[in-house]
């Protein structure tokens, strides 16, 4: 299983991607993938800050349970 990403395997994968998507489409796919990963990383970094803010907001705002009928 350690021999999964040998250079020949990566070359075959690159050729298959080139055939499936074409030379014009590959840069667009790479750009979209890069932007998605960047957004994901930013979300992980910002994720540690948001729960405290969300908890404070939900504690201050009245919910359905605070007004009994």
N, C-alpha and C. Protein backbone atom coordinates (compact mmCIF):
# COMPACT_ATOMS: atom_id res chain seq x y z
N UNK A 1 0.82 -1.19 0.00
CA UNK A 1 0.00 0.00 0.00
C UNK A 1 0.87 1.26 0.00
N UNK A 2 2.10 1.18 0.43
CA UNK A 2 2.99 2.33 0.45
C UNK A 2 3.43 2.76 -0.93
N UNK A 3 3.25 1.91 -1.94
CA UNK A 3 3.68 2.22 -3.30
C UNK A 3 2.55 2.83 -4.13
N UNK A 4 1.57 3.40 -3.48
CA UNK A 4 0.40 3.90 -4.18
C UNK A 4 0.70 5.15 -5.01
N UNK A 5 1.53 6.05 -4.52
CA UNK A 5 1.77 7.31 -5.22
C UNK A 5 3.15 7.38 -5.85
N UNK A 6 3.48 6.38 -6.61
CA UNK A 6 4.73 6.39 -7.35
C UNK A 6 4.59 7.34 -8.54
N UNK A 7 5.70 7.85 -9.07
CA UNK A 7 5.63 8.79 -10.20
C UNK A 7 4.88 8.22 -11.41
N UNK A 8 5.01 6.94 -11.68
CA UNK A 8 4.30 6.38 -12.83
C UNK A 8 2.79 6.39 -12.59
N UNK A 9 2.36 6.14 -11.36
CA UNK A 9 0.94 6.18 -11.05
C UNK A 9 0.39 7.60 -11.19
N UNK A 10 1.17 8.57 -10.72
CA UNK A 10 0.74 9.96 -10.83
C UNK A 10 0.66 10.39 -12.29
N UNK A 11 1.58 9.90 -13.11
CA UNK A 11 1.56 10.21 -14.54
C UNK A 11 0.32 9.63 -15.21
N UNK A 12 -0.03 8.42 -14.88
CA UNK A 12 -1.23 7.79 -15.45
C UNK A 12 -2.47 8.56 -15.01
N UNK A 13 -2.54 8.96 -13.76
CA UNK A 13 -3.68 9.73 -13.26
C UNK A 13 -3.78 11.07 -14.00
N UNK A 14 -2.65 11.72 -14.21
CA UNK A 14 -2.63 13.00 -14.93
C UNK A 14 -3.12 12.83 -16.36
N UNK A 15 -2.71 11.76 -17.03
CA UNK A 15 -3.14 11.51 -18.41
C UNK A 15 -4.64 11.24 -18.46
N UNK A 16 -5.14 10.45 -17.52
CA UNK A 16 -6.58 10.17 -17.48
C UNK A 16 -7.37 11.45 -17.26
N UNK A 17 -6.91 12.31 -16.34
CA UNK A 17 -7.59 13.58 -16.10
C UNK A 17 -7.56 14.46 -17.33
N UNK A 18 -6.45 14.48 -18.03
CA UNK A 18 -6.32 15.28 -19.24
C UNK A 18 -7.29 14.79 -20.31
N UNK A 19 -7.43 13.49 -20.45
CA UNK A 19 -8.34 12.93 -21.45
C UNK A 19 -9.79 13.21 -21.06
N UNK A 20 -10.12 13.05 -19.78
CA UNK A 20 -11.51 13.22 -19.35
C UNK A 20 -11.97 14.68 -19.41
N UNK A 21 -11.15 15.59 -18.93
CA UNK A 21 -11.59 16.97 -18.79
C UNK A 21 -11.05 17.92 -19.85
N UNK A 22 -9.98 17.56 -20.52
CA UNK A 22 -9.41 18.42 -21.55
C UNK A 22 -8.45 19.45 -20.96
N UNK A 23 -7.61 19.99 -21.82
CA UNK A 23 -6.57 20.91 -21.38
C UNK A 23 -7.15 22.25 -20.93
N UNK A 24 -8.27 22.68 -21.50
CA UNK A 24 -8.85 23.96 -21.12
C UNK A 24 -9.50 23.90 -19.74
N UNK A 25 -10.08 22.78 -19.43
CA UNK A 25 -10.88 22.66 -18.21
C UNK A 25 -10.02 22.41 -16.97
N UNK A 26 -8.84 21.81 -17.10
CA UNK A 26 -8.02 21.46 -15.94
C UNK A 26 -7.57 22.66 -15.11
N UNK A 27 -7.13 23.77 -15.70
CA UNK A 27 -6.78 24.93 -14.85
C UNK A 27 -7.96 25.46 -14.05
N UNK A 28 -9.15 25.43 -14.65
CA UNK A 28 -10.35 25.88 -13.94
C UNK A 28 -10.65 24.96 -12.75
N UNK A 29 -10.51 23.66 -12.97
CA UNK A 29 -10.74 22.72 -11.88
C UNK A 29 -9.72 22.89 -10.76
N UNK A 30 -8.47 23.11 -11.13
CA UNK A 30 -7.42 23.33 -10.13
C UNK A 30 -7.66 24.60 -9.33
N UNK A 31 -8.09 25.65 -10.01
CA UNK A 31 -8.36 26.91 -9.34
C UNK A 31 -9.53 26.75 -8.36
N UNK A 32 -10.57 26.08 -8.80
CA UNK A 32 -11.72 25.86 -7.92
C UNK A 32 -11.37 25.01 -6.72
N UNK A 33 -10.55 24.00 -6.94
CA UNK A 33 -10.12 23.14 -5.84
C UNK A 33 -9.26 23.92 -4.86
N UNK A 34 -8.36 24.75 -5.36
CA UNK A 34 -7.51 25.57 -4.49
C UNK A 34 -8.31 26.56 -3.67
N UNK A 35 -9.30 27.20 -4.29
CA UNK A 35 -10.14 28.14 -3.56
C UNK A 35 -10.98 27.43 -2.50
N UNK A 36 -11.45 26.24 -2.84
CA UNK A 36 -12.22 25.46 -1.86
C UNK A 36 -11.38 25.06 -0.66
N UNK A 37 -10.15 24.63 -0.91
CA UNK A 37 -9.26 24.26 0.19
C UNK A 37 -8.90 25.48 1.04
N UNK A 38 -8.71 26.61 0.38
CA UNK A 38 -8.38 27.84 1.11
C UNK A 38 -9.55 28.24 2.02
N UNK A 39 -10.75 28.17 1.50
CA UNK A 39 -11.93 28.48 2.29
C UNK A 39 -12.11 27.50 3.44
N UNK A 40 -11.82 26.24 3.20
CA UNK A 40 -11.92 25.22 4.25
C UNK A 40 -10.93 25.50 5.37
N UNK A 41 -9.70 25.85 5.00
CA UNK A 41 -8.68 26.15 6.01
C UNK A 41 -9.07 27.39 6.81
N UNK A 42 -9.59 28.42 6.14
CA UNK A 42 -10.04 29.62 6.84
C UNK A 42 -11.19 29.29 7.78
N UNK A 43 -12.06 28.41 7.36
CA UNK A 43 -13.16 28.00 8.21
C UNK A 43 -12.68 27.26 9.45
N UNK A 44 -11.65 26.46 9.29
CA UNK A 44 -11.09 25.76 10.45
C UNK A 44 -10.43 26.73 11.41
N UNK A 45 -9.73 27.72 10.88
CA UNK A 45 -9.08 28.71 11.74
C UNK A 45 -10.12 29.56 12.46
N UNK A 46 -11.14 29.97 11.75
CA UNK A 46 -12.19 30.80 12.33
C UNK A 46 -13.17 30.00 13.17
N UNK A 47 -13.16 28.69 13.03
CA UNK A 47 -14.09 27.83 13.76
C UNK A 47 -13.88 27.87 15.25
N UNK A 48 -12.65 28.09 15.70
CA UNK A 48 -12.39 28.13 17.13
C UNK A 48 -12.90 29.43 17.75
N UNK A 49 -13.02 30.50 16.96
CA UNK A 49 -13.51 31.77 17.47
C UNK A 49 -15.03 31.84 17.48
N UNK A 50 -15.69 31.24 16.52
CA UNK A 50 -17.12 31.37 16.35
C UNK A 50 -17.97 30.72 17.43
N UNK A 51 -17.65 29.54 17.98
CA UNK A 51 -18.55 28.93 18.96
C UNK A 51 -18.77 29.80 20.20
N UNK A 52 -17.78 30.50 20.66
CA UNK A 52 -17.95 31.36 21.84
C UNK A 52 -18.91 32.49 21.51
N UNK A 53 -18.78 33.09 20.34
CA UNK A 53 -19.66 34.17 19.93
C UNK A 53 -21.08 33.65 19.74
N UNK A 54 -21.23 32.50 19.13
CA UNK A 54 -22.55 31.92 18.92
C UNK A 54 -23.21 31.58 20.24
N UNK A 55 -22.46 31.06 21.18
CA UNK A 55 -23.01 30.72 22.48
C UNK A 55 -23.49 31.96 23.21
N UNK A 56 -22.75 33.05 23.14
CA UNK A 56 -23.15 34.29 23.78
C UNK A 56 -24.40 34.86 23.13
N UNK A 57 -24.49 34.79 21.82
CA UNK A 57 -25.65 35.31 21.12
C UNK A 57 -26.90 34.51 21.45
N UNK A 58 -26.78 33.19 21.49
CA UNK A 58 -27.94 32.37 21.78
C UNK A 58 -28.38 32.50 23.23
N UNK A 59 -27.47 32.80 24.14
CA UNK A 59 -27.83 32.99 25.55
C UNK A 59 -28.56 34.31 25.74
N UNK A 60 -28.22 35.33 24.95
CA UNK A 60 -28.85 36.64 25.08
C UNK A 60 -30.19 36.73 24.37
N UNK A 61 -30.38 35.98 23.31
CA UNK A 61 -31.63 36.06 22.56
C UNK A 61 -32.65 35.09 23.13
N UNK A 62 -33.89 35.53 23.28
CA UNK A 62 -34.91 34.63 23.83
C UNK A 62 -35.29 33.56 22.81
N UNK A 63 -35.52 32.38 23.30
CA UNK A 63 -35.92 31.27 22.44
C UNK A 63 -37.38 30.94 22.64
N UNK A 64 -37.84 29.88 22.03
CA UNK A 64 -39.23 29.48 22.17
C UNK A 64 -39.53 28.99 23.57
N UNK A 65 -38.56 28.41 24.24
CA UNK A 65 -38.78 27.86 25.57
C UNK A 65 -38.89 28.92 26.66
N UNK A 66 -38.43 30.15 26.40
CA UNK A 66 -38.44 31.18 27.43
C UNK A 66 -39.82 31.80 27.59
N UNK A 67 -40.72 31.62 26.63
CA UNK A 67 -42.07 32.16 26.71
C UNK A 67 -43.08 31.02 26.82
N UNK A 68 -43.38 30.56 28.03
CA UNK A 68 -44.36 29.44 28.13
C UNK A 68 -45.76 29.93 27.81
N UNK A 69 -46.53 29.03 27.27
CA UNK A 69 -47.90 29.36 26.85
C UNK A 69 -48.87 28.94 27.91
